[in-house]
Amino acid sequence: MNKIGIHGSVWSGRWDGEDGARAIRQTAASGYDFLELPLSDPTAIAVPILRNALEQNHVGVTASLGLTTDTDISSPDKEIVGRGIAHLGDAINVLRDLGGQNLAGVLFSAMRKYNEPATERGIAHAMEALRLVAERAHAAGIQIHLEVVNRYESNVFNTGEQAV
């Protein structure tokens, strides 16, 4: 049977303590099998508290995020790309420590409307960064899932064909 989950933002905007544990309890009480944890700021996650709540309530966890302009791995600026790789690495570590196995979202560019098409350099940066991130995720037992979004949310992947 397929499992059914709910995005954590339905319950809470905070994951640094009791708010996150309460959201996990609400997920279980509502009959969901797993919680999709928003990892826009992996450093703000109370991993031990949430891990305990997940285990006590028999709730699984997945995670998602969208990169920002400051962490855009499709940027021509290598410093920004480096921050994006570090951010995705932090998200992988948090998800691994929570016992999750799936990280999804706009992991290939900032999630915003761009005023111009993606450049060859930007696409190359995103591909190189994703290779590094995929290797790190694989070593942590995590699968990454790229969310293909419309042109108002990214200029890198807007079709399944582009993602492939």
N, C-alpha and C. Protein backbone atom coordinates (compact mmCIF):
# COMPACT_ATOMS: atom_id res chain seq x y z
N MET A 1 0.85 -1.17 0.00
CA MET A 1 0.00 0.00 0.00
C MET A 1 0.90 1.24 0.00
N ASN A 2 0.46 2.25 -0.74
CA ASN A 2 1.20 3.51 -0.76
C ASN A 2 1.05 4.24 0.56
N LYS A 3 2.13 4.87 0.96
CA LYS A 3 2.08 5.67 2.17
C LYS A 3 1.67 7.09 1.81
N ILE A 4 1.04 7.75 2.78
CA ILE A 4 0.55 9.11 2.56
C ILE A 4 1.24 10.03 3.56
N GLY A 5 1.71 11.16 3.05
CA GLY A 5 2.39 12.12 3.90
C GLY A 5 1.78 13.50 3.79
N ILE A 6 2.29 14.38 4.62
CA ILE A 6 1.83 15.77 4.66
C ILE A 6 3.05 16.67 4.82
N HIS A 7 2.99 17.82 4.20
CA HIS A 7 4.10 18.78 4.32
C HIS A 7 4.06 19.41 5.71
N GLY A 8 5.22 19.49 6.32
CA GLY A 8 5.31 20.01 7.69
C GLY A 8 4.84 21.44 7.86
N SER A 9 4.86 22.24 6.80
CA SER A 9 4.42 23.63 6.93
C SER A 9 2.93 23.75 7.23
N VAL A 10 2.20 22.67 7.03
CA VAL A 10 0.78 22.67 7.41
C VAL A 10 0.67 22.84 8.93
N TRP A 11 1.61 22.27 9.67
CA TRP A 11 1.55 22.27 11.13
C TRP A 11 2.39 23.35 11.78
N SER A 12 3.55 23.65 11.20
CA SER A 12 4.48 24.52 11.92
C SER A 12 5.45 25.20 10.96
N GLY A 13 5.96 26.33 11.40
CA GLY A 13 7.03 27.02 10.69
C GLY A 13 8.35 26.91 11.43
N ARG A 14 8.32 26.20 12.56
CA ARG A 14 9.53 26.05 13.39
C ARG A 14 9.81 24.58 13.64
N TRP A 15 11.10 24.24 13.60
CA TRP A 15 11.52 22.86 13.77
C TRP A 15 12.68 22.76 14.75
N ASP A 16 12.74 23.73 15.66
CA ASP A 16 13.86 23.82 16.60
C ASP A 16 13.50 23.35 18.01
N GLY A 17 12.44 22.58 18.12
CA GLY A 17 12.09 22.09 19.46
C GLY A 17 10.68 21.56 19.52
N GLU A 18 9.95 21.98 20.52
CA GLU A 18 8.62 21.44 20.81
C GLU A 18 7.63 21.67 19.66
N ASP A 19 7.73 22.78 18.93
CA ASP A 19 6.83 22.99 17.79
C ASP A 19 6.95 21.85 16.78
N GLY A 20 8.18 21.43 16.50
CA GLY A 20 8.41 20.34 15.57
C GLY A 20 7.88 19.02 16.10
N ALA A 21 8.09 18.75 17.38
CA ALA A 21 7.58 17.52 17.99
C ALA A 21 6.05 17.50 17.97
N ARG A 22 5.43 18.64 18.24
CA ARG A 22 3.97 18.75 18.18
C ARG A 22 3.46 18.46 16.77
N ALA A 23 4.16 18.99 15.75
CA ALA A 23 3.77 18.76 14.36
C ALA A 23 3.85 17.27 14.01
N ILE A 24 4.84 16.60 14.53
CA ILE A 24 4.96 15.16 14.29
C ILE A 24 3.82 14.40 14.97
N ARG A 25 3.48 14.79 16.18
CA ARG A 25 2.35 14.16 16.87
C ARG A 25 1.05 14.40 16.09
N GLN A 26 0.87 15.61 15.56
CA GLN A 26 -0.34 15.92 14.79
C GLN A 26 -0.37 15.11 13.49
N THR A 27 0.79 14.90 12.90
CA THR A 27 0.88 14.09 11.68
C THR A 27 0.38 12.68 11.98
N ALA A 28 0.86 12.09 13.06
CA ALA A 28 0.44 10.74 13.43
C ALA A 28 -1.04 10.69 13.79
N ALA A 29 -1.49 11.65 14.58
CA ALA A 29 -2.89 11.66 15.02
C ALA A 29 -3.85 11.83 13.85
N SER A 30 -3.40 12.45 12.78
CA SER A 30 -4.24 12.66 11.60
C SER A 30 -4.19 11.49 10.63
N GLY A 31 -3.38 10.48 10.96
CA GLY A 31 -3.34 9.27 10.16
C GLY A 31 -2.32 9.26 9.03
N TYR A 32 -1.44 10.24 8.99
CA TYR A 32 -0.42 10.26 7.95
C TYR A 32 0.73 9.33 8.31
N ASP A 33 1.38 8.80 7.28
CA ASP A 33 2.49 7.88 7.48
C ASP A 33 3.83 8.59 7.60
N PHE A 34 3.94 9.74 6.94
CA PHE A 34 5.20 10.46 7.01
C PHE A 34 4.99 11.96 6.91
N LEU A 35 6.02 12.68 7.32
CA LEU A 35 6.04 14.13 7.31
C LEU A 35 7.12 14.57 6.32
N GLU A 36 6.77 15.53 5.46
CA GLU A 36 7.76 16.14 4.58
C GLU A 36 8.29 17.39 5.28
N LEU A 37 9.51 17.31 5.72
CA LEU A 37 10.13 18.37 6.52
C LEU A 37 10.73 19.44 5.61
N PRO A 38 10.33 20.70 5.78
CA PRO A 38 10.95 21.76 4.99
C PRO A 38 12.34 22.06 5.54
N LEU A 39 13.35 21.97 4.67
CA LEU A 39 14.74 22.17 5.11
C LEU A 39 15.35 23.44 4.52
N SER A 40 14.57 24.52 4.48
CA SER A 40 15.14 25.77 3.98
C SER A 40 16.28 26.25 4.87
N ASP A 41 16.24 25.90 6.15
CA ASP A 41 17.35 26.20 7.06
C ASP A 41 17.69 24.96 7.88
N PRO A 42 18.53 24.09 7.33
CA PRO A 42 18.86 22.85 8.04
C PRO A 42 19.48 23.08 9.41
N THR A 43 20.13 24.21 9.61
CA THR A 43 20.77 24.47 10.90
C THR A 43 19.76 24.76 12.01
N ALA A 44 18.50 25.00 11.64
CA ALA A 44 17.47 25.32 12.64
C ALA A 44 16.65 24.10 13.03
N ILE A 45 17.12 22.92 12.70
CA ILE A 45 16.38 21.70 13.00
C ILE A 45 16.91 21.08 14.29
N ALA A 46 16.01 20.81 15.22
CA ALA A 46 16.38 20.16 16.49
C ALA A 46 16.39 18.65 16.25
N VAL A 47 17.47 18.16 15.69
CA VAL A 47 17.53 16.77 15.25
C VAL A 47 17.20 15.77 16.36
N PRO A 48 17.83 15.82 17.54
CA PRO A 48 17.50 14.80 18.56
C PRO A 48 16.03 14.82 18.99
N ILE A 49 15.46 15.99 19.14
CA ILE A 49 14.06 16.10 19.55
C ILE A 49 13.14 15.54 18.47
N LEU A 50 13.40 15.92 17.22
CA LEU A 50 12.54 15.45 16.13
C LEU A 50 12.72 13.95 15.88
N ARG A 51 13.93 13.47 15.96
CA ARG A 51 14.17 12.03 15.76
C ARG A 51 13.40 11.23 16.80
N ASN A 52 13.45 11.67 18.05
CA ASN A 52 12.71 11.01 19.12
C ASN A 52 11.21 11.04 18.86
N ALA A 53 10.69 12.18 18.44
CA ALA A 53 9.25 12.29 18.16
C ALA A 53 8.85 11.42 16.99
N LEU A 54 9.67 11.37 15.95
CA LEU A 54 9.38 10.50 14.80
C LEU A 54 9.31 9.04 15.23
N GLU A 55 10.27 8.61 16.02
CA GLU A 55 10.31 7.22 16.48
C GLU A 55 9.13 6.90 17.40
N GLN A 56 8.85 7.79 18.34
CA GLN A 56 7.76 7.53 19.29
C GLN A 56 6.40 7.48 18.61
N ASN A 57 6.24 8.25 17.53
CA ASN A 57 4.95 8.34 16.86
C ASN A 57 4.87 7.50 15.59
N HIS A 58 5.93 6.74 15.30
CA HIS A 58 5.96 5.86 14.13
C HIS A 58 5.65 6.63 12.84
N VAL A 59 6.28 7.80 12.72
CA VAL A 59 6.12 8.64 11.54
C VAL A 59 7.43 8.65 10.78
N GLY A 60 7.36 8.44 9.47
CA GLY A 60 8.54 8.54 8.63
C GLY A 60 8.80 9.99 8.26
N VAL A 61 9.95 10.23 7.65
CA VAL A 61 10.29 11.61 7.29
C VAL A 61 10.94 11.64 5.91
N THR A 62 10.53 12.62 5.14
CA THR A 62 11.20 13.00 3.92
C THR A 62 11.50 14.49 4.08
N ALA A 63 12.21 15.07 3.13
CA ALA A 63 12.51 16.49 3.25
C ALA A 63 12.49 17.14 1.87
N SER A 64 12.27 18.43 1.88
CA SER A 64 12.29 19.19 0.64
C SER A 64 12.83 20.59 0.91
N LEU A 65 13.29 21.20 -0.17
CA LEU A 65 13.73 22.59 -0.06
C LEU A 65 13.83 23.18 -1.45
N GLY A 66 13.88 24.49 -1.48
CA GLY A 66 14.17 25.24 -2.70
C GLY A 66 15.35 26.14 -2.38
N LEU A 67 16.29 26.19 -3.30
CA LEU A 67 17.46 27.04 -3.08
C LEU A 67 17.08 28.51 -3.21
N THR A 68 17.91 29.37 -2.65
CA THR A 68 17.69 30.82 -2.69
C THR A 68 18.71 31.45 -3.64
N THR A 69 18.57 32.73 -3.86
CA THR A 69 19.54 33.45 -4.69
C THR A 69 20.94 33.32 -4.10
N ASP A 70 21.05 33.25 -2.79
CA ASP A 70 22.35 33.16 -2.11
C ASP A 70 22.95 31.75 -2.13
N THR A 71 22.14 30.74 -2.50
CA THR A 71 22.62 29.35 -2.53
C THR A 71 22.35 28.70 -3.89
N ASP A 72 22.19 29.49 -4.92
CA ASP A 72 21.82 29.04 -6.26
C ASP A 72 22.99 28.34 -6.95
N ILE A 73 22.92 27.01 -7.08
CA ILE A 73 24.04 26.28 -7.69
C ILE A 73 24.12 26.48 -9.20
N SER A 74 23.14 27.17 -9.80
CA SER A 74 23.22 27.50 -11.22
C SER A 74 23.78 28.89 -11.44
N SER A 75 24.24 29.52 -10.39
CA SER A 75 24.82 30.86 -10.49
C SER A 75 26.15 30.82 -11.24
N PRO A 76 26.49 31.89 -11.95
CA PRO A 76 27.83 31.96 -12.54
C PRO A 76 28.91 32.22 -11.49
N ASP A 77 28.50 32.63 -10.29
CA ASP A 77 29.42 32.96 -9.20
C ASP A 77 29.75 31.69 -8.41
N LYS A 78 31.01 31.29 -8.45
CA LYS A 78 31.42 30.04 -7.79
C LYS A 78 31.26 30.09 -6.27
N GLU A 79 31.33 31.26 -5.67
CA GLU A 79 31.10 31.36 -4.21
C GLU A 79 29.66 31.02 -3.88
N ILE A 80 28.73 31.51 -4.69
CA ILE A 80 27.31 31.20 -4.46
C ILE A 80 27.09 29.71 -4.67
N VAL A 81 27.68 29.14 -5.72
CA VAL A 81 27.56 27.70 -5.97
C VAL A 81 28.10 26.93 -4.78
N GLY A 82 29.23 27.35 -4.24
CA GLY A 82 29.81 26.68 -3.07
C GLY A 82 28.89 26.73 -1.87
N ARG A 83 28.23 27.88 -1.66
CA ARG A 83 27.26 27.97 -0.55
C ARG A 83 26.08 27.03 -0.78
N GLY A 84 25.67 26.91 -2.05
CA GLY A 84 24.57 26.00 -2.37
C GLY A 84 24.93 24.55 -2.10
N ILE A 85 26.15 24.17 -2.50
CA ILE A 85 26.60 22.80 -2.24
C ILE A 85 26.66 22.53 -0.74
N ALA A 86 27.17 23.49 0.02
CA ALA A 86 27.24 23.34 1.48
C ALA A 86 25.83 23.23 2.08
N HIS A 87 24.91 24.05 1.59
CA HIS A 87 23.53 24.04 2.08
C HIS A 87 22.88 22.67 1.82
N LEU A 88 23.05 22.17 0.61
CA LEU A 88 22.50 20.86 0.28
C LEU A 88 23.17 19.76 1.11
N GLY A 89 24.47 19.90 1.37
CA GLY A 89 25.16 18.95 2.24
C GLY A 89 24.60 18.96 3.65
N ASP A 90 24.32 20.15 4.17
CA ASP A 90 23.71 20.25 5.51
C ASP A 90 22.34 19.58 5.53
N ALA A 91 21.56 19.79 4.46
CA ALA A 91 20.23 19.18 4.39
C ALA A 91 20.34 17.65 4.37
N ILE A 92 21.29 17.15 3.61
CA ILE A 92 21.51 15.69 3.55
C ILE A 92 21.87 15.16 4.94
N ASN A 93 22.76 15.85 5.64
CA ASN A 93 23.16 15.40 6.98
C ASN A 93 22.00 15.37 7.94
N VAL A 94 21.18 16.41 7.92
CA VAL A 94 20.02 16.47 8.82
C VAL A 94 19.05 15.34 8.51
N LEU A 95 18.75 15.17 7.23
CA LEU A 95 17.81 14.12 6.84
C LEU A 95 18.34 12.74 7.23
N ARG A 96 19.61 12.50 6.98
CA ARG A 96 20.23 11.22 7.38
C ARG A 96 20.09 11.01 8.88
N ASP A 97 20.39 12.05 9.67
CA ASP A 97 20.34 11.94 11.12
C ASP A 97 18.92 11.75 11.65
N LEU A 98 17.93 12.17 10.86
CA LEU A 98 16.53 11.96 11.25
C LEU A 98 16.01 10.59 10.81
N GLY A 99 16.80 9.89 9.99
CA GLY A 99 16.38 8.58 9.52
C GLY A 99 15.63 8.62 8.20
N GLY A 100 15.67 9.75 7.50
CA GLY A 100 14.99 9.87 6.22
C GLY A 100 15.86 9.40 5.07
N GLN A 101 15.22 9.19 3.93
CA GLN A 101 15.93 8.66 2.76
C GLN A 101 15.65 9.41 1.47
N ASN A 102 14.80 10.43 1.49
CA ASN A 102 14.43 11.13 0.27
C ASN A 102 14.44 12.64 0.47
N LEU A 103 15.23 13.32 -0.39
CA LEU A 103 15.32 14.78 -0.40
C LEU A 103 14.85 15.25 -1.76
N ALA A 104 13.84 16.11 -1.79
CA ALA A 104 13.25 16.57 -3.03
C ALA A 104 13.17 18.09 -3.06
N GLY A 105 12.92 18.61 -4.24
CA GLY A 105 12.66 20.03 -4.37
C GLY A 105 13.42 20.66 -5.52
N VAL A 106 13.44 21.97 -5.50
CA VAL A 106 14.17 22.74 -6.50
C VAL A 106 15.61 22.82 -5.98
N LEU A 107 16.34 21.74 -6.27
CA LEU A 107 17.70 21.56 -5.76
C LEU A 107 18.74 22.00 -6.78
N PHE A 108 18.33 22.55 -7.89
CA PHE A 108 19.22 22.84 -9.02
C PHE A 108 19.34 24.31 -9.34
N SER A 109 18.56 25.17 -8.70
CA SER A 109 18.63 26.62 -8.92
C SER A 109 17.86 27.29 -7.79
N ALA A 110 17.93 28.61 -7.78
CA ALA A 110 17.07 29.33 -6.83
C ALA A 110 15.62 29.14 -7.28
N MET A 111 14.72 29.08 -6.34
CA MET A 111 13.31 28.96 -6.67
C MET A 111 12.74 30.37 -6.75
N ARG A 112 12.81 30.91 -7.95
CA ARG A 112 12.34 32.27 -8.19
C ARG A 112 12.18 32.47 -9.69
N LYS A 113 11.54 33.55 -10.07
CA LYS A 113 11.44 33.89 -11.49
C LYS A 113 12.73 34.59 -11.92
N TYR A 114 13.31 34.10 -12.98
CA TYR A 114 14.50 34.70 -13.56
C TYR A 114 14.08 35.59 -14.73
N ASN A 115 14.84 36.63 -14.99
CA ASN A 115 14.53 37.54 -16.08
C ASN A 115 15.18 37.15 -17.40
N GLU A 116 15.99 36.09 -17.37
CA GLU A 116 16.68 35.65 -18.58
C GLU A 116 16.80 34.13 -18.57
N PRO A 117 17.05 33.54 -19.73
CA PRO A 117 17.24 32.08 -19.77
C PRO A 117 18.50 31.67 -19.02
N ALA A 118 18.55 30.43 -18.64
CA ALA A 118 19.75 29.89 -17.99
C ALA A 118 20.91 29.94 -18.98
N THR A 119 22.09 30.23 -18.47
CA THR A 119 23.28 30.27 -19.32
C THR A 119 23.92 28.88 -19.36
N GLU A 120 24.74 28.63 -20.36
CA GLU A 120 25.47 27.36 -20.43
C GLU A 120 26.34 27.18 -19.19
N ARG A 121 26.97 28.28 -18.76
CA ARG A 121 27.82 28.21 -17.56
C ARG A 121 26.99 27.85 -16.33
N GLY A 122 25.81 28.48 -16.19
CA GLY A 122 24.95 28.20 -15.05
C GLY A 122 24.48 26.75 -15.03
N ILE A 123 24.09 26.25 -16.19
CA ILE A 123 23.66 24.85 -16.28
C ILE A 123 24.83 23.92 -15.95
N ALA A 124 26.02 24.25 -16.45
CA ALA A 124 27.20 23.43 -16.14
C ALA A 124 27.50 23.44 -14.65
N HIS A 125 27.39 24.62 -14.01
CA HIS A 125 27.60 24.69 -12.56
C HIS A 125 26.59 23.81 -11.83
N ALA A 126 25.32 23.90 -12.24
CA ALA A 126 24.28 23.10 -11.58
C ALA A 126 24.56 21.61 -11.74
N MET A 127 24.95 21.20 -12.93
CA MET A 127 25.23 19.78 -13.18
C MET A 127 26.42 19.30 -12.36
N GLU A 128 27.48 20.08 -12.32
CA GLU A 128 28.66 19.71 -11.52
C GLU A 128 28.31 19.62 -10.04
N ALA A 129 27.57 20.61 -9.56
CA ALA A 129 27.19 20.62 -8.15
C ALA A 129 26.28 19.44 -7.83
N LEU A 130 25.33 19.15 -8.72
CA LEU A 130 24.42 18.02 -8.47
C LEU A 130 25.16 16.69 -8.45
N ARG A 131 26.19 16.56 -9.25
CA ARG A 131 26.99 15.32 -9.21
C ARG A 131 27.62 15.16 -7.83
N LEU A 132 28.20 16.25 -7.31
CA LEU A 132 28.81 16.19 -5.98
C LEU A 132 27.77 15.88 -4.90
N VAL A 133 26.65 16.57 -4.99
CA VAL A 133 25.58 16.38 -4.01
C VAL A 133 25.02 14.95 -4.09
N ALA A 134 24.85 14.44 -5.30
CA ALA A 134 24.33 13.07 -5.47
C ALA A 134 25.28 12.05 -4.87
N GLU A 135 26.58 12.26 -5.04
CA GLU A 135 27.56 11.34 -4.44
C GLU A 135 27.45 11.37 -2.92
N ARG A 136 27.35 12.56 -2.37
CA ARG A 136 27.23 12.70 -0.91
C ARG A 136 25.93 12.07 -0.42
N ALA A 137 24.84 12.30 -1.15
CA ALA A 137 23.56 11.73 -0.77
C ALA A 137 23.61 10.21 -0.83
N HIS A 138 24.20 9.68 -1.89
CA HIS A 138 24.31 8.22 -2.03
C HIS A 138 25.07 7.62 -0.85
N ALA A 139 26.16 8.26 -0.46
CA ALA A 139 26.96 7.77 0.67
C ALA A 139 26.15 7.80 1.97
N ALA A 140 25.18 8.71 2.05
CA ALA A 140 24.34 8.82 3.25
C ALA A 140 23.07 7.97 3.16
N GLY A 141 22.89 7.26 2.05
CA GLY A 141 21.70 6.44 1.88
C GLY A 141 20.46 7.23 1.51
N ILE A 142 20.67 8.37 0.87
CA ILE A 142 19.56 9.27 0.54
C ILE A 142 19.46 9.41 -0.97
N GLN A 143 18.24 9.37 -1.46
CA GLN A 143 17.96 9.64 -2.87
C GLN A 143 17.56 11.09 -3.01
N ILE A 144 18.04 11.73 -4.08
CA ILE A 144 17.60 13.09 -4.34
C ILE A 144 16.61 13.06 -5.50
N HIS A 145 15.62 13.93 -5.42
CA HIS A 145 14.55 14.00 -6.42
C HIS A 145 14.44 15.45 -6.86
N LEU A 146 14.63 15.68 -8.16
CA LEU A 146 14.57 17.03 -8.69
C LEU A 146 13.13 17.36 -9.06
N GLU A 147 12.62 18.44 -8.49
CA GLU A 147 11.26 18.87 -8.78
C GLU A 147 11.30 19.80 -9.98
N VAL A 148 10.78 19.33 -11.09
CA VAL A 148 10.72 20.14 -12.30
C VAL A 148 9.58 21.13 -12.12
N VAL A 149 9.89 22.41 -12.26
CA VAL A 149 8.91 23.46 -12.01
C VAL A 149 8.75 24.35 -13.24
N ASN A 150 7.73 25.17 -13.22
CA ASN A 150 7.45 26.02 -14.38
C ASN A 150 8.45 27.19 -14.47
N ARG A 151 8.39 27.90 -15.56
CA ARG A 151 9.36 28.98 -15.82
C ARG A 151 9.26 30.15 -14.85
N TYR A 152 8.21 30.19 -14.05
CA TYR A 152 8.08 31.25 -13.05
C TYR A 152 8.78 30.88 -11.74
N GLU A 153 9.30 29.65 -11.67
CA GLU A 153 9.97 29.19 -10.46
C GLU A 153 11.42 28.80 -10.68
N SER A 154 11.85 28.68 -11.93
CA SER A 154 13.24 28.36 -12.26
C SER A 154 13.46 28.55 -13.76
N ASN A 155 14.68 28.79 -14.14
CA ASN A 155 15.00 28.86 -15.57
C ASN A 155 15.90 27.70 -15.99
N VAL A 156 16.10 26.71 -15.13
CA VAL A 156 17.02 25.62 -15.43
C VAL A 156 16.26 24.40 -15.96
N PHE A 157 15.37 23.82 -15.15
CA PHE A 157 14.59 22.65 -15.58
C PHE A 157 13.12 23.03 -15.55
N ASN A 158 12.51 23.08 -16.72
CA ASN A 158 11.07 23.36 -16.79
C ASN A 158 10.30 22.23 -17.45
N THR A 159 11.01 21.22 -17.93
CA THR A 159 10.37 20.05 -18.55
C THR A 159 11.08 18.79 -18.07
N GLY A 160 10.40 17.68 -18.17
CA GLY A 160 11.03 16.41 -17.83
C GLY A 160 12.24 16.14 -18.71
N GLU A 161 12.14 16.50 -19.99
CA GLU A 161 13.25 16.28 -20.91
C GLU A 161 14.51 17.04 -20.46
N GLN A 162 14.35 18.29 -20.01
CA GLN A 162 15.50 19.06 -19.52
C GLN A 162 16.11 18.41 -18.29
N ALA A 163 15.28 17.90 -17.41
CA ALA A 163 15.79 17.27 -16.19
C ALA A 163 16.60 16.02 -16.50
N VAL A 164 16.13 15.23 -17.46
CA VAL A 164 16.85 14.02 -17.85
C VAL A 164 18.19 14.41 -18.43
